[in-house]
């Protein structure tokens, strides 16, 4: 059972370090119905209680599953508060939208109160933010990046000049902060091994949300476009059918590989079996350094179909920043500085979580 002091530390990390809340500000906590299986009720209740202790005025608003159109009542409530914290997938849908002037929004990937009090919730937001910016700096300024994985991924390229200049990222704050900015994939080519499941990116609901992949299938990519799939004939047909369905539903370009990024938070874990809910699995465990994920199907962030690559190696100008799913911040001066400024990161990286919802264990 998680200690109350740990829960309080995680809640403080979210409210003060991430959301930047101050006394007398108003807070809207959007809570997804726990019956849907993604969030519990205890985590937002703990946040509300601490907010009151801080002199913040919290309002809790219960919502159902995400839809493709935002409820007008929700828009009104968001506009009426200084800050909104989403314990709901709706926040993920809005993560690339521009917030209202003077308002702040936080998307919480904390699914339950135990996660709030875990190392995932307690690791200082400032440390994660510095690490994110350092990884961005390494990747955006690389001359050559090569991604490989044990199943046969071999994919390489570099950031575009536009990506280097703009550094485009989400507008909603994330908590915990577990990924760098998505790297534009338009100058990358190669072969990506697809395994386990195809899943949504959290952008728009559709059905079926995911499809299982019984055998490894390869996606051949040329300068940010899918050139074809190879592998078991029946599975390739199912993948193509899934892409057609999603692309037709939203009127988007099915063959785009828009961007990719890998997890940077070693405290991220997913003890439940991925097969219980592949959508919840991929949209929870993506911050674990053992996963790199691609945004595909749609020429916009974050597109609609996700590829999850397990235990990848990312070689940056001849040095491995990730190796077999383990992020090594000591390899580059930018990331090494994070360990020096935030000693707590050394402990987190020394004991990375291996619970990722799949039977593979190293």
Protein backbone atom coordinates (compact mmCIF):
# COMPACT_ATOMS: atom_id res chain seq x y z
CA UNK A 1 0.00 0.00 0.00
CA UNK A 2 1.34 3.44 -0.95
CA UNK A 3 2.30 5.69 1.96
CA UNK A 4 0.24 8.86 2.47
CA UNK A 5 3.43 10.92 2.49
CA UNK A 6 4.37 9.56 -0.94
CA UNK A 7 0.91 10.37 -2.29
CA UNK A 8 1.19 13.88 -0.88
CA UNK A 9 4.60 14.30 -2.50
CA UNK A 10 3.25 13.17 -5.87
CA UNK A 11 0.24 15.47 -5.54
CA UNK A 12 2.47 18.41 -4.63
CA UNK A 13 4.66 17.63 -7.64
CA UNK A 14 1.63 17.82 -9.92
CA UNK A 15 -0.05 20.87 -8.39
CA UNK A 16 2.95 23.08 -7.69
CA UNK A 17 5.89 21.91 -9.79
CA UNK A 18 3.91 21.09 -12.93
CA UNK A 19 0.66 23.10 -12.84
CA UNK A 20 2.24 26.03 -10.98
CA UNK A 21 -0.89 26.62 -8.93
CA UNK A 22 -1.03 29.42 -6.38
CA UNK A 23 -3.34 30.23 -3.50
CA UNK A 24 -6.76 31.60 -4.49
CA UNK A 25 -6.51 30.33 -8.09
CA UNK A 26 -9.33 28.16 -9.41
CA UNK A 27 -8.79 24.57 -10.52
CA UNK A 28 -11.01 22.35 -12.63
CA UNK A 29 -10.33 18.62 -12.18
CA UNK A 30 -11.90 16.64 -15.01
CA UNK A 31 -12.42 13.06 -13.82
CA UNK A 32 -13.13 10.19 -16.18
CA UNK A 33 -15.68 7.66 -14.92
CA UNK A 34 -13.65 4.95 -13.09
CA UNK A 35 -16.04 2.31 -14.49
CA UNK A 36 -14.36 2.81 -17.87
CA UNK A 37 -11.17 1.27 -16.44
CA UNK A 38 -8.63 4.01 -17.17
CA UNK A 39 -8.62 6.14 -14.00
CA UNK A 40 -9.54 5.58 -10.39
CA UNK A 41 -11.42 8.08 -8.20
CA UNK A 42 -8.82 8.25 -5.43
CA UNK A 43 -6.08 10.09 -7.36
CA UNK A 44 -8.18 13.13 -8.35
CA UNK A 45 -9.69 13.18 -4.85
CA UNK A 46 -6.16 13.37 -3.39
CA UNK A 47 -5.36 16.22 -5.75
CA UNK A 48 -8.54 18.07 -4.78
CA UNK A 49 -7.82 17.68 -1.06
CA UNK A 50 -4.28 19.02 -1.35
CA UNK A 51 -5.46 21.88 -3.56
CA UNK A 52 -7.87 22.96 -0.83
CA UNK A 53 -5.05 22.81 1.72
CA UNK A 54 -3.03 25.11 -0.56
CA UNK A 55 -5.85 27.66 -0.71
CA UNK A 56 -6.74 26.72 -4.28
CA UNK A 57 -10.43 26.45 -5.14
CA UNK A 58 -11.01 23.09 -6.86
CA UNK A 59 -14.06 21.91 -8.79
CA UNK A 60 -14.42 18.27 -9.81
CA UNK A 61 -16.29 17.46 -13.00
CA UNK A 62 -17.09 13.87 -13.99
CA UNK A 63 -16.99 12.89 -17.68
CA UNK A 64 -17.45 9.78 -19.75
CA UNK A 65 -15.33 8.35 -22.56
CA UNK A 66 -13.88 10.69 -25.20
CA UNK A 67 -15.92 11.69 -28.23
CA UNK A 68 -14.81 13.36 -31.43
CA UNK A 69 -16.59 16.61 -30.48
CA UNK A 70 -15.94 18.41 -27.21
CA UNK A 71 -18.95 18.87 -24.92
CA UNK A 72 -19.88 22.61 -24.89
CA UNK A 73 -20.46 22.44 -21.13
CA UNK A 74 -16.87 21.29 -20.73
CA UNK A 75 -15.62 24.21 -22.80
CA UNK A 76 -17.52 26.64 -20.57
CA UNK A 77 -16.10 25.04 -17.41
CA UNK A 78 -12.53 25.16 -18.72
CA UNK A 79 -12.90 28.84 -19.60
CA UNK A 80 -14.15 29.60 -16.09
CA UNK A 81 -11.06 28.26 -14.27
CA UNK A 82 -7.42 29.32 -14.08
CA UNK A 83 -6.14 25.77 -14.53
CA UNK A 84 -7.56 22.45 -15.71
CA UNK A 85 -6.13 19.05 -14.80
CA UNK A 86 -7.36 16.13 -16.86
CA UNK A 87 -7.69 12.74 -15.23
CA UNK A 88 -9.39 11.87 -18.49
CA UNK A 89 -8.44 10.88 -22.02
CA UNK A 90 -10.13 14.08 -23.20
CA UNK A 91 -6.96 15.93 -22.19
CA UNK A 92 -4.93 13.78 -24.57
CA UNK A 93 -7.25 14.74 -27.42
CA UNK A 94 -6.61 18.42 -26.72
CA UNK A 95 -2.86 18.21 -26.21
CA UNK A 96 -2.00 19.90 -29.52
CA UNK A 97 -4.72 22.57 -29.27
CA UNK A 98 -3.85 26.09 -28.18
CA UNK A 99 -5.11 26.82 -24.63
CA UNK A 100 -7.28 29.82 -23.90
CA UNK A 101 -5.24 32.97 -23.13
CA UNK A 102 -4.19 33.06 -19.50
CA UNK A 103 -5.28 29.45 -18.85
CA UNK A 104 -3.16 26.40 -18.03
CA UNK A 105 -3.93 22.77 -18.73
CA UNK A 106 -2.29 19.56 -17.50
CA UNK A 107 -2.85 16.09 -18.94
CA UNK A 108 -2.34 13.51 -16.19
CA UNK A 109 -1.09 10.04 -17.11
CA UNK A 110 -1.42 9.09 -13.45
CA UNK A 111 -4.08 6.39 -13.59
CA UNK A 112 -4.51 5.69 -9.87
CA UNK A 113 -3.47 6.82 -6.43
CA UNK A 114 -0.69 4.23 -6.13
CA UNK A 115 0.86 5.58 -9.32
CA UNK A 116 0.61 9.11 -7.90
CA UNK A 117 2.69 8.06 -4.90
CA UNK A 118 5.16 5.98 -6.92
CA UNK A 119 8.56 7.13 -8.19
CA UNK A 120 6.76 7.91 -11.45
CA UNK A 121 4.61 10.54 -9.74
CA UNK A 122 7.21 11.73 -7.23
CA UNK A 123 10.20 12.37 -9.55
CA UNK A 124 10.56 16.14 -9.70
CA UNK A 125 8.78 17.70 -12.66
CA UNK A 126 11.68 20.13 -13.05
CA UNK A 127 14.11 17.24 -13.43
CA UNK A 128 11.96 15.63 -16.09
CA UNK A 129 11.57 18.93 -17.92
CA UNK A 130 15.32 19.51 -18.00
CA UNK A 131 15.89 15.95 -19.22
CA UNK A 132 13.30 16.39 -21.95
CA UNK A 133 14.95 19.58 -23.21
CA UNK A 134 18.37 17.91 -23.14
CA UNK A 135 17.16 14.93 -25.18
CA UNK A 136 15.49 17.34 -27.61
CA UNK A 137 18.81 19.14 -28.01
CA UNK A 138 20.71 15.91 -28.71
CA UNK A 139 18.22 14.60 -31.27
CA UNK A 140 17.45 17.86 -33.06
CA UNK A 141 21.12 18.64 -33.59
CA UNK A 142 22.17 15.15 -34.66
CA UNK A 143 23.56 14.64 -38.14
CA UNK A 144 22.48 11.01 -38.26
CA UNK A 145 20.09 8.97 -36.11
CA UNK A 146 19.67 5.22 -36.52
CA UNK A 147 16.96 3.19 -34.79
CA UNK A 148 17.19 -0.60 -34.47
CA UNK A 149 15.41 -3.25 -32.39
CA UNK A 150 15.74 -6.99 -31.71
CA UNK A 151 12.92 -7.81 -34.15
CA UNK A 152 14.69 -6.25 -37.12
CA UNK A 153 13.91 -2.53 -37.17
CA UNK A 154 16.51 -0.56 -39.14
CA UNK A 155 15.40 3.01 -39.68
CA UNK A 156 17.48 6.17 -39.99
CA UNK A 157 17.54 9.86 -40.86
CA UNK A 158 17.72 13.23 -39.14
CA UNK A 159 15.53 16.10 -38.02
CA UNK A 160 14.27 18.60 -40.56
CA UNK A 161 15.47 22.19 -40.52
CA UNK A 162 11.92 23.27 -39.67
CA UNK A 163 11.88 20.97 -36.62
CA UNK A 164 15.19 22.42 -35.44
CA UNK A 165 13.85 25.96 -35.72
CA UNK A 166 10.32 25.49 -34.44
CA UNK A 167 10.73 22.78 -31.76
CA UNK A 168 6.97 22.20 -32.02
CA UNK A 169 5.50 20.35 -29.05
CA UNK A 170 2.22 19.91 -27.22
CA UNK A 171 0.50 22.95 -25.68
CA UNK A 172 -0.94 21.02 -22.72
CA UNK A 173 1.49 20.24 -19.91
CA UNK A 174 2.05 16.55 -19.31
CA UNK A 175 2.35 14.87 -15.93
CA UNK A 176 4.49 12.93 -15.47
CA UNK A 177 6.63 14.33 -18.25
CA UNK A 178 7.88 11.23 -20.03
CA UNK A 179 8.67 11.94 -23.70
CA UNK A 180 10.70 14.47 -25.68
CA UNK A 181 9.02 16.34 -28.52
CA UNK A 182 7.89 14.17 -31.45
CA UNK A 183 10.63 14.16 -34.08
CA UNK A 184 9.43 14.89 -37.61
CA UNK A 185 9.84 11.66 -39.61
CA UNK A 186 9.82 13.14 -43.11
CA UNK A 187 13.60 12.67 -43.57
CA UNK A 188 13.66 9.14 -42.17
CA UNK A 189 13.58 5.90 -44.14
CA UNK A 190 14.01 2.20 -43.48
CA UNK A 191 12.15 -0.77 -42.06
CA UNK A 192 10.15 -0.85 -38.82
CA UNK A 193 9.18 -4.12 -37.12
CA UNK A 194 5.54 -4.08 -36.03
CA UNK A 195 4.59 -6.40 -33.18
CA UNK A 196 2.05 -6.90 -30.38
CA UNK A 197 -0.67 -4.42 -31.43
CA UNK A 198 -1.54 -1.48 -33.61
CA UNK A 199 -3.12 1.07 -31.28
CA UNK A 200 -4.61 4.59 -31.38
CA UNK A 201 -2.54 7.67 -30.59
CA UNK A 202 -5.19 9.11 -28.27
CA UNK A 203 -6.23 11.68 -30.86
CA UNK A 204 -9.67 10.51 -32.05
CA UNK A 205 -11.85 7.57 -30.99
CA UNK A 206 -12.52 4.86 -33.54
CA UNK A 207 -13.49 1.20 -33.54
CA UNK A 208 -11.81 -1.21 -33.41
CA UNK A 209 -9.33 0.83 -31.43
CA UNK A 210 -6.56 -1.74 -31.86
CA UNK A 211 -5.71 -4.90 -33.74
CA UNK A 212 -3.48 -7.71 -32.45
CA UNK A 213 -0.33 -8.67 -34.35
CA UNK A 214 0.40 -12.38 -33.89
CA UNK A 215 3.55 -12.29 -36.03
CA UNK A 216 6.13 -9.62 -36.72
CA UNK A 217 5.23 -7.57 -39.77
CA UNK A 218 7.55 -5.06 -41.40
CA UNK A 219 6.61 -1.58 -42.54
CA UNK A 220 8.89 -0.19 -45.24
CA UNK A 221 9.17 3.59 -44.99
CA UNK A 222 10.60 6.03 -47.52
CA UNK A 223 11.05 9.65 -46.43
CA UNK A 224 8.12 9.62 -44.04
CA UNK A 225 5.71 7.56 -46.14
CA UNK A 226 4.70 3.92 -45.85
CA UNK A 227 5.86 2.18 -49.03
CA UNK A 228 4.38 -1.20 -48.07
CA UNK A 229 4.04 -3.95 -45.50
CA UNK A 230 5.62 -7.41 -45.60
CA UNK A 231 5.08 -10.55 -43.56
CA UNK A 232 2.25 -13.02 -43.06
CA UNK A 233 -0.17 -12.48 -45.95
CA UNK A 234 -3.34 -12.54 -43.83
CA UNK A 235 -1.91 -10.21 -41.20
CA UNK A 236 -0.69 -7.74 -43.83
CA UNK A 237 -4.24 -7.73 -45.25
CA UNK A 238 -5.69 -6.97 -41.78
CA UNK A 239 -3.21 -4.13 -41.27
CA UNK A 240 -4.07 -2.59 -44.63
CA UNK A 241 -7.78 -2.93 -43.91
CA UNK A 242 -7.30 -1.19 -40.55
CA UNK A 243 -5.41 1.68 -42.19
CA UNK A 244 -8.10 2.03 -44.84
CA UNK A 245 -10.83 2.12 -42.19
CA UNK A 246 -9.15 4.84 -40.12
CA UNK A 247 -8.10 6.92 -43.12
CA UNK A 248 -11.57 6.81 -44.66
CA UNK A 249 -13.29 7.63 -41.35
CA UNK A 250 -11.36 10.87 -40.93
CA UNK A 251 -10.47 11.68 -44.54
CA UNK A 252 -6.71 11.55 -43.94
CA UNK A 253 -3.58 10.33 -45.70
CA UNK A 254 -3.14 6.70 -44.62
CA UNK A 255 0.50 6.38 -45.68
CA UNK A 256 2.04 9.15 -43.59
CA UNK A 257 4.61 8.36 -40.90
CA UNK A 258 4.38 11.72 -39.17
CA UNK A 259 6.77 11.54 -36.21
CA UNK A 260 8.27 9.40 -33.47
CA UNK A 261 9.63 9.68 -29.94
CA UNK A 262 10.80 7.37 -27.16
CA UNK A 263 10.05 7.25 -23.44
CA UNK A 264 12.42 9.00 -21.03
CA UNK A 265 10.93 8.20 -17.59
CA UNK A 266 12.37 5.00 -16.04
CA UNK A 267 9.70 5.09 -13.31
CA UNK A 268 6.93 4.43 -15.82
CA UNK A 269 5.39 0.97 -15.51
CA UNK A 270 2.37 -1.02 -16.62
CA UNK A 271 1.88 -4.15 -14.50
CA UNK A 272 -1.40 -5.14 -16.21
CA UNK A 273 -1.36 -7.36 -19.28
CA UNK A 274 -1.28 -5.37 -22.52
CA UNK A 275 -3.94 -7.63 -23.99
CA UNK A 276 -6.48 -6.58 -21.35
CA UNK A 277 -6.82 -3.23 -23.14
CA UNK A 278 -4.17 -2.53 -25.81
CA UNK A 279 -5.33 1.09 -26.16
CA UNK A 280 -4.90 1.78 -22.43
CA UNK A 281 -1.58 -0.12 -22.46
CA UNK A 282 0.05 1.84 -25.28
CA UNK A 283 -1.29 5.19 -24.06
CA UNK A 284 0.10 4.49 -20.59
CA UNK A 285 3.44 2.75 -21.10
CA UNK A 286 4.72 5.01 -23.90
CA UNK A 287 6.73 7.05 -21.38
CA UNK A 288 8.83 4.01 -20.38
CA UNK A 289 12.29 4.13 -22.05
CA UNK A 290 11.81 0.56 -23.30
CA UNK A 291 9.36 1.88 -25.89
CA UNK A 292 9.69 4.06 -28.93
CA UNK A 293 6.44 4.83 -30.70
CA UNK A 294 5.54 6.19 -34.12
CA UNK A 295 2.59 8.41 -35.05
CA UNK A 296 1.21 7.24 -38.40
CA UNK A 297 -1.87 7.65 -40.63
CA UNK A 298 -2.51 11.38 -40.93
CA UNK A 299 -0.38 14.38 -41.86
CA UNK A 300 -0.72 16.07 -38.45
CA UNK A 301 0.35 15.49 -34.87
CA UNK A 302 -0.19 12.94 -33.46
CA UNK A 303 -1.85 11.22 -36.48
CA UNK A 304 -4.07 8.23 -35.63
CA UNK A 305 -2.29 4.85 -35.59
CA UNK A 306 0.60 4.05 -33.28
CA UNK A 307 3.49 1.62 -33.75
CA UNK A 308 5.09 0.49 -30.48
CA UNK A 309 8.73 -0.66 -30.78
CA UNK A 310 10.10 -2.52 -27.76
CA UNK A 311 13.73 -2.44 -26.56
CA UNK A 312 14.99 -0.19 -29.31
CA UNK A 313 18.48 1.22 -29.70
CA UNK A 314 18.84 4.83 -30.84
CA UNK A 315 22.32 5.63 -32.12
CA UNK A 316 23.01 9.36 -32.40
CA UNK A 317 26.10 10.29 -34.42
CA UNK A 318 27.79 7.02 -33.46
CA UNK A 319 26.79 6.91 -29.76
CA UNK A 320 23.83 5.06 -28.28
CA UNK A 321 21.51 7.35 -26.35
CA UNK A 322 19.15 4.39 -25.89
CA UNK A 323 20.52 0.84 -25.96
CA UNK A 324 18.17 -2.15 -25.92
CA UNK A 325 15.45 -0.04 -24.36
CA UNK A 326 17.63 1.56 -21.71
CA UNK A 327 18.17 5.33 -21.84
CA UNK A 328 21.71 6.29 -20.84
CA UNK A 329 21.81 10.01 -20.00
CA UNK A 330 25.51 9.77 -19.16
CA UNK A 331 26.46 9.42 -22.84
CA UNK A 332 25.95 13.07 -23.86
CA UNK A 333 26.98 16.28 -22.11
CA UNK A 334 23.47 17.74 -22.37
CA UNK A 335 21.81 14.80 -20.63
CA UNK A 336 24.71 14.26 -18.22
CA UNK A 337 24.14 17.78 -16.90
CA UNK A 338 20.64 16.70 -15.81
CA UNK A 339 22.10 13.99 -13.57
CA UNK A 340 24.46 16.52 -12.02
CA UNK A 341 21.76 19.13 -11.36
CA UNK A 342 19.09 16.62 -10.25
CA UNK A 343 20.79 13.82 -8.25
CA UNK A 344 17.43 12.05 -7.78
CA UNK A 345 17.57 11.09 -11.46
CA UNK A 346 20.60 8.89 -10.78
CA UNK A 347 18.52 6.68 -8.51
CA UNK A 348 15.62 6.50 -10.97
CA UNK A 349 17.89 5.54 -13.85
CA UNK A 350 19.78 3.00 -11.74
CA UNK A 351 16.54 1.08 -11.13
CA UNK A 352 14.36 1.38 -14.27
CA UNK A 353 10.98 -0.31 -14.29
CA UNK A 354 10.76 -3.45 -16.42
CA UNK A 355 6.98 -3.85 -16.05
CA UNK A 356 5.65 -3.02 -19.48
CA UNK A 357 2.62 -5.31 -19.83
CA UNK A 358 4.34 -7.87 -22.07
CA UNK A 359 5.81 -11.29 -21.24
CA UNK A 360 9.28 -10.39 -22.54
CA UNK A 361 11.75 -9.83 -19.76
CA UNK A 362 15.42 -9.13 -19.96
